[in-house]
């Protein structure tokens, strides 16, 4: 039987480089302090499930660097001649808020230097025919939509190829982003051919909820405060049918998945009731503009935890967060 110490160590092994150098190390004492906020009988099962989940959904700095190194030499993207290809690519630097794009570009710059001896500054000097936009993860897609639509209106040529590179995309956000980009190009009278490059696509669309890869409860927990919160959404709750762990198999089993959904929802409602800085859209299972229990993503990167993840992972004051989050 796996001991509590071993369960804690496995979680720490997965998330050890989170905000490394910025905050205290992610040791077993830290993880244990966080998990003790849940009911006693659920603590070790939560740790066991997170050990499985984070092995698939937590992106270390090395994982990100390896992905961007693969992008640099991708035959499919570069047409088989990557060194020549990057000479004709303009790498876009559009974000005015946050550091995710800056961090990703820094890693990509090192990948180009290590592979070709060139830098981002050397790319796209002569009438580029391809433009590259890099960010970490697409959740709802709002930031990428804002940046790219603004670029199309103000700076994009009449005809261009646009490659959007991310670690992972949530499918609903990818669809909305692609739709808005296409509409912006049409309104501007421009032809923008968009391609997406990512490690994987995460299913979060309502029509595919049963086989989704995000937290989608099967029922309202038997907890009065949670029942009142769900009722207060003034919407008919939409639950997934039990029995699936999602196409990407982030979850170990139906039982493991349901445990996180139920425990994170109940505790998330409690976090909302005690943390004074949370707005109405910061829902128990993650920030969402839609009137649901929350976005439900379990993706976390070495550099930050998104607010689209469950509140219990990142909220503070007075909740003790597993992933202390930095805001833009």
C-alpha atoms as a PDB file:
ATOM      1  CA  UNK A   1       0.000   0.000   0.000  1.00  0.00           C
ATOM      2  CA  UNK A   2       1.304   3.445  -0.938  1.00  0.00           C
ATOM      3  CA  UNK A   3       2.066   5.593   2.081  1.00  0.00           C
ATOM      4  CA  UNK A   4       1.049   9.220   2.547  1.00  0.00           C
ATOM      5  CA  UNK A   5       4.710  10.211   2.348  1.00  0.00           C
ATOM      6  CA  UNK A   6       5.046   8.466  -1.014  1.00  0.00           C
ATOM      7  CA  UNK A   7       1.869  10.139  -2.307  1.00  0.00           C
ATOM      8  CA  UNK A   8       3.178  13.548  -1.286  1.00  0.00           C
ATOM      9  CA  UNK A   9       6.558  12.864  -2.865  1.00  0.00           C
ATOM     10  CA  UNK A  10       4.963  11.865  -6.163  1.00  0.00           C
ATOM     11  CA  UNK A  11       3.023  15.127  -6.387  1.00  0.00           C
ATOM     12  CA  UNK A  12       6.138  17.106  -5.509  1.00  0.00           C
ATOM     13  CA  UNK A  13       8.088  15.238  -8.187  1.00  0.00           C
ATOM     14  CA  UNK A  14       5.587  16.408 -10.815  1.00  0.00           C
ATOM     15  CA  UNK A  15       5.430  20.091  -9.806  1.00  0.00           C
ATOM     16  CA  UNK A  16       8.890  20.709  -8.343  1.00  0.00           C
ATOM     17  CA  UNK A  17       9.892  23.550 -10.708  1.00  0.00           C
ATOM     18  CA  UNK A  18       6.771  25.661 -10.232  1.00  0.00           C
ATOM     19  CA  UNK A  19       7.893  29.316 -10.133  1.00  0.00           C
ATOM     20  CA  UNK A  20      11.345  28.103  -9.228  1.00  0.00           C
ATOM     21  CA  UNK A  21      13.467  30.925  -7.855  1.00  0.00           C
ATOM     22  CA  UNK A  22      10.406  33.120  -7.240  1.00  0.00           C
ATOM     23  CA  UNK A  23       8.721  31.329  -4.347  1.00  0.00           C
ATOM     24  CA  UNK A  24       9.630  28.758  -1.721  1.00  0.00           C
ATOM     25  CA  UNK A  25      10.280  25.280  -3.077  1.00  0.00           C
ATOM     26  CA  UNK A  26       7.357  22.921  -3.636  1.00  0.00           C
ATOM     27  CA  UNK A  27       8.240  20.432  -0.911  1.00  0.00           C
ATOM     28  CA  UNK A  28       6.179  17.752   0.799  1.00  0.00           C
ATOM     29  CA  UNK A  29       5.417  20.032   3.773  1.00  0.00           C
ATOM     30  CA  UNK A  30       3.861  22.572   1.413  1.00  0.00           C
ATOM     31  CA  UNK A  31       1.715  19.997  -0.393  1.00  0.00           C
ATOM     32  CA  UNK A  32       0.694  18.395   2.914  1.00  0.00           C
ATOM     33  CA  UNK A  33      -0.378  21.757   4.344  1.00  0.00           C
ATOM     34  CA  UNK A  34      -2.530  22.348   1.259  1.00  0.00           C
ATOM     35  CA  UNK A  35      -4.225  18.935   1.203  1.00  0.00           C
ATOM     36  CA  UNK A  36      -5.030  19.039   4.930  1.00  0.00           C
ATOM     37  CA  UNK A  37      -7.671  21.667   4.105  1.00  0.00           C
ATOM     38  CA  UNK A  38      -9.846  18.858   2.696  1.00  0.00           C
ATOM     39  CA  UNK A  39     -11.837  16.303   4.688  1.00  0.00           C
ATOM     40  CA  UNK A  40      -9.496  13.750   6.261  1.00  0.00           C
ATOM     41  CA  UNK A  41     -10.755  10.688   4.397  1.00  0.00           C
ATOM     42  CA  UNK A  42     -10.371  12.404   1.019  1.00  0.00           C
ATOM     43  CA  UNK A  43      -6.824  13.699   1.457  1.00  0.00           C
ATOM     44  CA  UNK A  44      -4.803  10.688   0.373  1.00  0.00           C
ATOM     45  CA  UNK A  45      -7.148   9.786  -2.527  1.00  0.00           C
ATOM     46  CA  UNK A  46      -6.802  13.397  -3.741  1.00  0.00           C
ATOM     47  CA  UNK A  47      -3.018  13.130  -3.585  1.00  0.00           C
ATOM     48  CA  UNK A  48      -3.099   9.809  -5.432  1.00  0.00           C
ATOM     49  CA  UNK A  49      -5.230  11.223  -8.236  1.00  0.00           C
ATOM     50  CA  UNK A  50      -3.189  14.411  -8.550  1.00  0.00           C
ATOM     51  CA  UNK A  51      -0.024  12.341  -8.830  1.00  0.00           C
ATOM     52  CA  UNK A  52      -1.560  10.791 -11.942  1.00  0.00           C
ATOM     53  CA  UNK A  53      -3.135  13.979 -13.331  1.00  0.00           C
ATOM     54  CA  UNK A  54      -0.093  16.228 -12.980  1.00  0.00           C
ATOM     55  CA  UNK A  55       2.087  13.653 -14.718  1.00  0.00           C
ATOM     56  CA  UNK A  56       0.041  14.570 -17.808  1.00  0.00           C
ATOM     57  CA  UNK A  57      -1.151  18.148 -17.253  1.00  0.00           C
ATOM     58  CA  UNK A  58       1.756  19.892 -15.530  1.00  0.00           C
ATOM     59  CA  UNK A  59       4.275  21.340 -17.996  1.00  0.00           C
ATOM     60  CA  UNK A  60       7.809  21.691 -16.656  1.00  0.00           C
ATOM     61  CA  UNK A  61      10.231  24.200 -18.116  1.00  0.00           C
ATOM     62  CA  UNK A  62      12.114  21.325 -19.754  1.00  0.00           C
ATOM     63  CA  UNK A  63       8.939  19.996 -21.384  1.00  0.00           C
ATOM     64  CA  UNK A  64       8.198  23.429 -22.827  1.00  0.00           C
ATOM     65  CA  UNK A  65      11.794  23.842 -24.040  1.00  0.00           C
ATOM     66  CA  UNK A  66      11.696  20.412 -25.705  1.00  0.00           C
ATOM     67  CA  UNK A  67       8.415  21.275 -27.455  1.00  0.00           C
ATOM     68  CA  UNK A  68       9.743  24.578 -28.799  1.00  0.00           C
ATOM     69  CA  UNK A  69      12.935  22.870 -29.951  1.00  0.00           C
ATOM     70  CA  UNK A  70      10.771  20.438 -31.909  1.00  0.00           C
ATOM     71  CA  UNK A  71       8.850  23.363 -33.409  1.00  0.00           C
ATOM     72  CA  UNK A  72      12.133  24.906 -34.562  1.00  0.00           C
ATOM     73  CA  UNK A  73      12.960  21.866 -36.702  1.00  0.00           C
ATOM     74  CA  UNK A  74       9.442  20.652 -37.546  1.00  0.00           C
ATOM     75  CA  UNK A  75       9.373  19.352 -41.128  1.00  0.00           C
ATOM     76  CA  UNK A  76       5.635  19.926 -41.335  1.00  0.00           C
ATOM     77  CA  UNK A  77       5.925  23.566 -40.297  1.00  0.00           C
ATOM     78  CA  UNK A  78       9.185  24.455 -42.043  1.00  0.00           C
ATOM     79  CA  UNK A  79       8.756  22.453 -45.231  1.00  0.00           C
ATOM     80  CA  UNK A  80      11.915  20.415 -44.618  1.00  0.00           C
ATOM     81  CA  UNK A  81      14.384  23.306 -44.681  1.00  0.00           C
ATOM     82  CA  UNK A  82      14.102  24.887 -41.231  1.00  0.00           C
ATOM     83  CA  UNK A  83      17.175  27.110 -41.404  1.00  0.00           C
ATOM     84  CA  UNK A  84      15.953  28.780 -44.584  1.00  0.00           C
ATOM     85  CA  UNK A  85      12.350  28.841 -43.351  1.00  0.00           C
ATOM     86  CA  UNK A  86      13.103  30.892 -40.231  1.00  0.00           C
ATOM     87  CA  UNK A  87      14.865  33.549 -42.285  1.00  0.00           C
ATOM     88  CA  UNK A  88      11.480  34.391 -43.801  1.00  0.00           C
ATOM     89  CA  UNK A  89       9.371  34.237 -40.609  1.00  0.00           C
ATOM     90  CA  UNK A  90       8.415  37.279 -38.582  1.00  0.00           C
ATOM     91  CA  UNK A  91       8.046  36.330 -34.917  1.00  0.00           C
ATOM     92  CA  UNK A  92       5.271  38.489 -33.470  1.00  0.00           C
ATOM     93  CA  UNK A  93       5.636  40.082 -30.054  1.00  0.00           C
ATOM     94  CA  UNK A  94       2.178  41.499 -29.427  1.00  0.00           C
ATOM     95  CA  UNK A  95       1.332  41.034 -25.755  1.00  0.00           C
ATOM     96  CA  UNK A  96       1.203  44.196 -23.679  1.00  0.00           C
ATOM     97  CA  UNK A  97       0.038  42.493 -20.457  1.00  0.00           C
ATOM     98  CA  UNK A  98       1.582  39.538 -18.674  1.00  0.00           C
ATOM     99  CA  UNK A  99       4.842  37.711 -19.270  1.00  0.00           C
ATOM    100  CA  UNK A 100       3.746  34.409 -20.807  1.00  0.00           C
ATOM    101  CA  UNK A 101       4.647  35.364 -24.361  1.00  0.00           C
ATOM    102  CA  UNK A 102       7.920  36.976 -23.292  1.00  0.00           C
ATOM    103  CA  UNK A 103       8.928  33.818 -21.421  1.00  0.00           C
ATOM    104  CA  UNK A 104       7.990  31.529 -24.316  1.00  0.00           C
ATOM    105  CA  UNK A 105       9.876  33.700 -26.800  1.00  0.00           C
ATOM    106  CA  UNK A 106      12.957  33.630 -24.593  1.00  0.00           C
ATOM    107  CA  UNK A 107      12.913  29.822 -24.618  1.00  0.00           C
ATOM    108  CA  UNK A 108      12.281  29.727 -28.364  1.00  0.00           C
ATOM    109  CA  UNK A 109      15.145  32.158 -28.959  1.00  0.00           C
ATOM    110  CA  UNK A 110      17.487  29.746 -27.161  1.00  0.00           C
ATOM    111  CA  UNK A 111      16.157  26.871 -29.270  1.00  0.00           C
ATOM    112  CA  UNK A 112      17.008  28.766 -32.459  1.00  0.00           C
ATOM    113  CA  UNK A 113      20.458  29.626 -31.134  1.00  0.00           C
ATOM    114  CA  UNK A 114      21.213  26.055 -30.091  1.00  0.00           C
ATOM    115  CA  UNK A 115      19.996  24.580 -33.384  1.00  0.00           C
ATOM    116  CA  UNK A 116      20.914  27.137 -36.035  1.00  0.00           C
ATOM    117  CA  UNK A 117      23.122  29.694 -34.318  1.00  0.00           C
ATOM    118  CA  UNK A 118      20.555  32.405 -35.066  1.00  0.00           C
ATOM    119  CA  UNK A 119      18.174  34.479 -32.969  1.00  0.00           C
ATOM    120  CA  UNK A 120      14.597  35.687 -33.211  1.00  0.00           C
ATOM    121  CA  UNK A 121      16.033  39.081 -34.145  1.00  0.00           C
ATOM    122  CA  UNK A 122      17.539  37.460 -37.258  1.00  0.00           C
ATOM    123  CA  UNK A 123      14.179  36.143 -38.469  1.00  0.00           C
ATOM    124  CA  UNK A 124      11.881  37.718 -41.030  1.00  0.00           C
ATOM    125  CA  UNK A 125      14.119  40.553 -42.064  1.00  0.00           C
ATOM    126  CA  UNK A 126      13.122  40.538 -45.746  1.00  0.00           C
ATOM    127  CA  UNK A 127       9.399  40.695 -46.524  1.00  0.00           C
ATOM    128  CA  UNK A 128       8.314  37.713 -44.393  1.00  0.00           C
ATOM    129  CA  UNK A 129       5.674  35.408 -45.828  1.00  0.00           C
ATOM    130  CA  UNK A 130       4.907  33.679 -42.518  1.00  0.00           C
ATOM    131  CA  UNK A 131       4.179  35.178 -39.106  1.00  0.00           C
ATOM    132  CA  UNK A 132       4.570  33.283 -35.833  1.00  0.00           C
ATOM    133  CA  UNK A 133       2.582  33.921 -32.653  1.00  0.00           C
ATOM    134  CA  UNK A 134       3.704  32.030 -29.516  1.00  0.00           C
ATOM    135  CA  UNK A 135       1.979  31.768 -26.141  1.00  0.00           C
ATOM    136  CA  UNK A 136       1.823  29.164 -23.388  1.00  0.00           C
ATOM    137  CA  UNK A 137      -1.744  27.750 -23.255  1.00  0.00           C
ATOM    138  CA  UNK A 138      -5.035  28.728 -24.893  1.00  0.00           C
ATOM    139  CA  UNK A 139      -7.925  28.495 -22.419  1.00  0.00           C
ATOM    140  CA  UNK A 140     -10.851  30.716 -23.451  1.00  0.00           C
ATOM    141  CA  UNK A 141      -8.625  32.291 -26.105  1.00  0.00           C
ATOM    142  CA  UNK A 142      -9.334  35.884 -25.118  1.00  0.00           C
ATOM    143  CA  UNK A 143      -5.732  37.084 -25.079  1.00  0.00           C
ATOM    144  CA  UNK A 144      -4.763  35.483 -28.372  1.00  0.00           C
ATOM    145  CA  UNK A 145      -7.953  36.775 -30.022  1.00  0.00           C
ATOM    146  CA  UNK A 146      -7.280  40.294 -28.780  1.00  0.00           C
ATOM    147  CA  UNK A 147      -3.646  40.302 -29.904  1.00  0.00           C
ATOM    148  CA  UNK A 148      -4.141  38.724 -33.318  1.00  0.00           C
ATOM    149  CA  UNK A 149      -7.302  40.635 -34.240  1.00  0.00           C
ATOM    150  CA  UNK A 150      -5.554  43.908 -33.360  1.00  0.00           C
ATOM    151  CA  UNK A 151      -2.558  42.866 -35.462  1.00  0.00           C
ATOM    152  CA  UNK A 152      -4.796  42.017 -38.421  1.00  0.00           C
ATOM    153  CA  UNK A 153      -6.514  45.397 -38.270  1.00  0.00           C
ATOM    154  CA  UNK A 154      -3.390  47.465 -37.781  1.00  0.00           C
ATOM    155  CA  UNK A 155      -0.265  45.757 -39.096  1.00  0.00           C
ATOM    156  CA  UNK A 156      -0.859  42.512 -41.018  1.00  0.00           C
ATOM    157  CA  UNK A 157      -0.141  42.513 -44.754  1.00  0.00           C
ATOM    158  CA  UNK A 158      -2.951  41.887 -47.212  1.00  0.00           C
ATOM    159  CA  UNK A 159      -1.964  38.243 -47.462  1.00  0.00           C
ATOM    160  CA  UNK A 160      -0.114  36.183 -44.855  1.00  0.00           C
ATOM    161  CA  UNK A 161       0.372  32.823 -43.233  1.00  0.00           C
ATOM    162  CA  UNK A 162      -0.035  32.885 -39.459  1.00  0.00           C
ATOM    163  CA  UNK A 163       1.254  30.002 -37.332  1.00  0.00           C
ATOM    164  CA  UNK A 164      -0.057  30.034 -33.748  1.00  0.00           C
ATOM    165  CA  UNK A 165       2.101  27.970 -31.386  1.00  0.00           C
ATOM    166  CA  UNK A 166       0.952  26.989 -27.883  1.00  0.00           C
ATOM    167  CA  UNK A 167       1.649  24.149 -25.481  1.00  0.00           C
ATOM    168  CA  UNK A 168      -2.022  23.141 -25.486  1.00  0.00           C
ATOM    169  CA  UNK A 169      -5.390  24.439 -26.663  1.00  0.00           C
ATOM    170  CA  UNK A 170      -8.834  24.011 -25.156  1.00  0.00           C
ATOM    171  CA  UNK A 171     -11.078  23.248 -28.115  1.00  0.00           C
ATOM    172  CA  UNK A 172     -13.908  25.670 -27.401  1.00  0.00           C
ATOM    173  CA  UNK A 173     -11.464  28.542 -27.067  1.00  0.00           C
ATOM    174  CA  UNK A 174      -9.594  27.444 -30.199  1.00  0.00           C
ATOM    175  CA  UNK A 175     -12.837  27.396 -32.177  1.00  0.00           C
ATOM    176  CA  UNK A 176     -13.902  30.834 -30.955  1.00  0.00           C
ATOM    177  CA  UNK A 177     -10.457  32.289 -31.556  1.00  0.00           C
ATOM    178  CA  UNK A 178     -10.276  30.907 -35.091  1.00  0.00           C
ATOM    179  CA  UNK A 179     -13.766  32.219 -35.838  1.00  0.00           C
ATOM    180  CA  UNK A 180     -12.957  35.725 -34.590  1.00  0.00           C
ATOM    181  CA  UNK A 181      -9.659  35.822 -36.474  1.00  0.00           C
ATOM    182  CA  UNK A 182     -11.408  34.793 -39.700  1.00  0.00           C
ATOM    183  CA  UNK A 183     -14.079  37.458 -39.220  1.00  0.00           C
ATOM    184  CA  UNK A 184     -11.478  40.145 -38.491  1.00  0.00           C
ATOM    185  CA  UNK A 185      -9.542  39.224 -41.629  1.00  0.00           C
ATOM    186  CA  UNK A 186     -12.706  39.355 -43.716  1.00  0.00           C
ATOM    187  CA  UNK A 187     -13.667  42.769 -42.334  1.00  0.00           C
ATOM    188  CA  UNK A 188     -10.153  44.056 -43.037  1.00  0.00           C
ATOM    189  CA  UNK A 189     -10.215  42.640 -46.575  1.00  0.00           C
ATOM    190  CA  UNK A 190      -7.188  40.482 -45.861  1.00  0.00           C
ATOM    191  CA  UNK A 191      -6.336  36.835 -46.486  1.00  0.00           C
ATOM    192  CA  UNK A 192      -4.845  35.257 -43.334  1.00  0.00           C
ATOM    193  CA  UNK A 193      -4.171  31.517 -43.443  1.00  0.00           C
ATOM    194  CA  UNK A 194      -4.030  30.268 -39.823  1.00  0.00           C
ATOM    195  CA  UNK A 195      -2.426  27.017 -38.680  1.00  0.00           C
ATOM    196  CA  UNK A 196      -2.235  25.731 -35.103  1.00  0.00           C
ATOM    197  CA  UNK A 197       0.756  23.980 -33.506  1.00  0.00           C
ATOM    198  CA  UNK A 198       0.357  22.452 -30.019  1.00  0.00           C
ATOM    199  CA  UNK A 199       1.168  19.368 -27.975  1.00  0.00           C
ATOM    200  CA  UNK A 200      -2.497  18.449 -27.656  1.00  0.00           C
ATOM    201  CA  UNK A 201      -6.071  19.735 -27.850  1.00  0.00           C
ATOM    202  CA  UNK A 202      -8.162  19.547 -24.699  1.00  0.00           C
ATOM    203  CA  UNK A 203     -11.834  18.695 -25.106  1.00  0.00           C
ATOM    204  CA  UNK A 204     -14.033  21.134 -23.191  1.00  0.00           C
ATOM    205  CA  UNK A 205     -16.975  21.677 -25.559  1.00  0.00           C
ATOM    206  CA  UNK A 206     -20.475  21.202 -24.190  1.00  0.00           C
ATOM    207  CA  UNK A 207     -21.496  18.851 -27.000  1.00  0.00           C
ATOM    208  CA  UNK A 208     -18.657  16.491 -26.062  1.00  0.00           C
ATOM    209  CA  UNK A 209     -18.943  16.804 -22.285  1.00  0.00           C
ATOM    210  CA  UNK A 210     -19.173  13.068 -21.649  1.00  0.00           C
ATOM    211  CA  UNK A 211     -15.695  12.566 -23.075  1.00  0.00           C
ATOM    212  CA  UNK A 212     -14.242  15.886 -21.906  1.00  0.00           C
ATOM    213  CA  UNK A 213     -10.730  16.370 -20.517  1.00  0.00           C
ATOM    214  CA  UNK A 214     -11.707  18.957 -17.892  1.00  0.00           C
ATOM    215  CA  UNK A 215     -13.552  18.792 -14.579  1.00  0.00           C
ATOM    216  CA  UNK A 216     -17.263  18.403 -15.305  1.00  0.00           C
ATOM    217  CA  UNK A 217     -19.232  17.035 -12.314  1.00  0.00           C
ATOM    218  CA  UNK A 218     -21.784  14.269 -12.751  1.00  0.00           C
ATOM    219  CA  UNK A 219     -24.090  15.732 -10.084  1.00  0.00           C
ATOM    220  CA  UNK A 220     -24.416  18.429  -7.457  1.00  0.00           C
ATOM    221  CA  UNK A 221     -22.611  17.291  -4.285  1.00  0.00           C
ATOM    222  CA  UNK A 222     -24.682  16.579  -1.184  1.00  0.00           C
ATOM    223  CA  UNK A 223     -23.599  19.829   0.418  1.00  0.00           C
ATOM    224  CA  UNK A 224     -26.102  22.631   1.216  1.00  0.00           C
ATOM    225  CA  UNK A 225     -23.766  25.502   0.346  1.00  0.00           C
ATOM    226  CA  UNK A 226     -22.808  23.920  -2.979  1.00  0.00           C
ATOM    227  CA  UNK A 227     -26.432  23.151  -3.823  1.00  0.00           C
ATOM    228  CA  UNK A 228     -27.324  26.784  -3.079  1.00  0.00           C
ATOM    229  CA  UNK A 229     -24.469  28.024  -5.286  1.00  0.00           C
ATOM    230  CA  UNK A 230     -25.542  25.838  -8.215  1.00  0.00           C
ATOM    231  CA  UNK A 231     -29.155  26.890  -7.791  1.00  0.00           C
ATOM    232  CA  UNK A 232     -28.054  30.534  -7.722  1.00  0.00           C
ATOM    233  CA  UNK A 233     -26.553  30.211 -11.189  1.00  0.00           C
ATOM    234  CA  UNK A 234     -30.150  30.369 -12.491  1.00  0.00           C
ATOM    235  CA  UNK A 235     -29.327  27.809 -15.135  1.00  0.00           C
ATOM    236  CA  UNK A 236     -30.261  24.193 -15.563  1.00  0.00           C
ATOM    237  CA  UNK A 237     -27.107  22.352 -14.415  1.00  0.00           C
ATOM    238  CA  UNK A 238     -25.438  20.410 -17.191  1.00  0.00           C
ATOM    239  CA  UNK A 239     -23.718  17.289 -15.905  1.00  0.00           C
ATOM    240  CA  UNK A 240     -21.606  14.751 -17.721  1.00  0.00           C
ATOM    241  CA  UNK A 241     -22.589  11.106 -17.760  1.00  0.00           C
ATOM    242  CA  UNK A 242     -20.257   9.043 -15.534  1.00  0.00           C
ATOM    243  CA  UNK A 243     -17.944   6.420 -16.937  1.00  0.00           C
ATOM    244  CA  UNK A 244     -15.396   8.350 -19.040  1.00  0.00           C
ATOM    245  CA  UNK A 245     -11.961   9.703 -18.177  1.00  0.00           C
ATOM    246  CA  UNK A 246     -11.599  11.773 -21.372  1.00  0.00           C
ATOM    247  CA  UNK A 247      -9.823  11.142 -24.630  1.00  0.00           C
ATOM    248  CA  UNK A 248      -6.472  12.313 -23.259  1.00  0.00           C
ATOM    249  CA  UNK A 249      -6.828  10.139 -20.144  1.00  0.00           C
ATOM    250  CA  UNK A 250      -5.734  12.861 -17.754  1.00  0.00           C
ATOM    251  CA  UNK A 251      -7.663  11.062 -15.011  1.00  0.00           C
ATOM    252  CA  UNK A 252      -6.817   7.625 -13.671  1.00  0.00           C
ATOM    253  CA  UNK A 253     -10.403   6.387 -13.435  1.00  0.00           C
ATOM    254  CA  UNK A 254     -13.998   7.530 -13.131  1.00  0.00           C
ATOM    255  CA  UNK A 255     -13.702   7.337  -9.353  1.00  0.00           C
ATOM    256  CA  UNK A 256     -10.529   9.419  -9.304  1.00  0.00           C
ATOM    257  CA  UNK A 257     -11.988  12.005 -11.631  1.00  0.00           C
ATOM    258  CA  UNK A 258     -15.285  12.232  -9.715  1.00  0.00           C
ATOM    259  CA  UNK A 259     -13.367  12.629  -6.461  1.00  0.00           C
ATOM    260  CA  UNK A 260     -11.601  15.749  -7.747  1.00  0.00           C
ATOM    261  CA  UNK A 261     -14.792  17.136  -9.269  1.00  0.00           C
ATOM    262  CA  UNK A 262     -16.820  16.731  -6.100  1.00  0.00           C
ATOM    263  CA  UNK A 263     -14.150  17.743  -3.578  1.00  0.00           C
ATOM    264  CA  UNK A 264     -12.871  20.692  -5.614  1.00  0.00           C
ATOM    265  CA  UNK A 265     -16.414  21.928  -6.217  1.00  0.00           C
ATOM    266  CA  UNK A 266     -17.442  21.767  -2.540  1.00  0.00           C
ATOM    267  CA  UNK A 267     -14.211  23.313  -1.300  1.00  0.00           C
ATOM    268  CA  UNK A 268     -14.267  25.841  -4.137  1.00  0.00           C
ATOM    269  CA  UNK A 269     -17.663  27.073  -2.988  1.00  0.00           C
ATOM    270  CA  UNK A 270     -16.155  27.459   0.477  1.00  0.00           C
ATOM    271  CA  UNK A 271     -13.189  29.383  -0.955  1.00  0.00           C
ATOM    272  CA  UNK A 272     -15.570  31.754  -2.730  1.00  0.00           C
ATOM    273  CA  UNK A 273     -17.344  32.412   0.555  1.00  0.00           C
ATOM    274  CA  UNK A 274     -14.149  33.304   2.431  1.00  0.00           C
ATOM    275  CA  UNK A 275     -11.777  34.897  -0.088  1.00  0.00           C
ATOM    276  CA  UNK A 276     -12.761  38.558  -0.468  1.00  0.00           C
ATOM    277  CA  UNK A 277     -11.010  39.339  -3.759  1.00  0.00           C
ATOM    278  CA  UNK A 278     -12.788  36.818  -6.024  1.00  0.00           C
ATOM    279  CA  UNK A 279     -15.192  38.265  -8.590  1.00  0.00           C
ATOM    280  CA  UNK A 280     -18.385  36.593  -9.795  1.00  0.00           C
ATOM    281  CA  UNK A 281     -16.637  34.923 -12.740  1.00  0.00           C
ATOM    282  CA  UNK A 282     -14.063  33.185 -10.536  1.00  0.00           C
ATOM    283  CA  UNK A 283     -16.169  30.074 -10.138  1.00  0.00           C
ATOM    284  CA  UNK A 284     -15.361  27.065  -7.936  1.00  0.00           C
ATOM    285  CA  UNK A 285     -13.820  25.034 -10.768  1.00  0.00           C
ATOM    286  CA  UNK A 286     -12.110  27.966 -12.454  1.00  0.00           C
ATOM    287  CA  UNK A 287     -12.668  31.366 -14.010  1.00  0.00           C
ATOM    288  CA  UNK A 288     -15.403  31.362 -16.652  1.00  0.00           C
ATOM    289  CA  UNK A 289     -17.708  33.978 -18.158  1.00  0.00           C
ATOM    290  CA  UNK A 290     -20.386  31.319 -18.588  1.00  0.00           C
ATOM    291  CA  UNK A 291     -22.786  30.547 -15.753  1.00  0.00           C
ATOM    292  CA  UNK A 292     -21.382  27.135 -14.863  1.00  0.00           C
ATOM    293  CA  UNK A 293     -19.522  25.630 -11.926  1.00  0.00           C
ATOM    294  CA  UNK A 294     -16.289  26.674 -13.663  1.00  0.00           C
ATOM    295  CA  UNK A 295     -13.843  26.175 -16.512  1.00  0.00           C
ATOM    296  CA  UNK A 296     -12.328  23.036 -14.990  1.00  0.00           C
ATOM    297  CA  UNK A 297      -8.882  22.958 -16.577  1.00  0.00           C
ATOM    298  CA  UNK A 298      -6.138  20.987 -14.834  1.00  0.00           C
ATOM    299  CA  UNK A 299      -3.313  22.471 -16.933  1.00  0.00           C
ATOM    300  CA  UNK A 300      -0.552  24.176 -14.945  1.00  0.00           C
ATOM    301  CA  UNK A 301       2.842  25.327 -16.228  1.00  0.00           C
ATOM    302  CA  UNK A 302       6.159  25.874 -14.502  1.00  0.00           C
ATOM    303  CA  UNK A 303       5.637  29.636 -14.732  1.00  0.00           C
ATOM    304  CA  UNK A 304       2.091  30.055 -13.371  1.00  0.00           C
ATOM    305  CA  UNK A 305      -1.277  28.506 -12.554  1.00  0.00           C
ATOM    306  CA  UNK A 306      -4.150  29.851 -14.677  1.00  0.00           C
ATOM    307  CA  UNK A 307      -7.271  31.241 -13.047  1.00  0.00           C
ATOM    308  CA  UNK A 308      -9.189  28.808 -15.295  1.00  0.00           C
ATOM    309  CA  UNK A 309      -8.045  26.037 -12.940  1.00  0.00           C
ATOM    310  CA  UNK A 310     -10.092  25.173  -9.816  1.00  0.00           C
ATOM    311  CA  UNK A 311      -9.941  27.777  -7.059  1.00  0.00           C
ATOM    312  CA  UNK A 312      -8.534  25.275  -4.572  1.00  0.00           C
ATOM    313  CA  UNK A 313      -5.333  25.077  -6.596  1.00  0.00           C
ATOM    314  CA  UNK A 314      -4.481  28.785  -6.618  1.00  0.00           C
ATOM    315  CA  UNK A 315      -6.765  31.005  -4.505  1.00  0.00           C
ATOM    316  CA  UNK A 316      -5.429  32.464  -1.274  1.00  0.00           C
ATOM    317  CA  UNK A 317      -6.332  34.630   1.713  1.00  0.00           C
ATOM    318  CA  UNK A 318      -7.320  32.703   3.806  1.00  0.00           C
ATOM    319  CA  UNK A 319      -7.162  29.520   1.692  1.00  0.00           C
ATOM    320  CA  UNK A 320      -3.657  28.088   1.421  1.00  0.00           C
ATOM    321  CA  UNK A 321      -2.878  27.587  -2.303  1.00  0.00           C
ATOM    322  CA  UNK A 322      -1.028  24.666  -3.825  1.00  0.00           C
ATOM    323  CA  UNK A 323       0.141  26.953  -6.638  1.00  0.00           C
ATOM    324  CA  UNK A 324       0.603  30.546  -5.445  1.00  0.00           C
ATOM    325  CA  UNK A 325      -0.464  32.484  -8.503  1.00  0.00           C
ATOM    326  CA  UNK A 326       0.998  35.697  -9.917  1.00  0.00           C
ATOM    327  CA  UNK A 327      -1.418  38.048 -11.676  1.00  0.00           C
ATOM    328  CA  UNK A 328      -0.737  40.376 -14.580  1.00  0.00           C
END
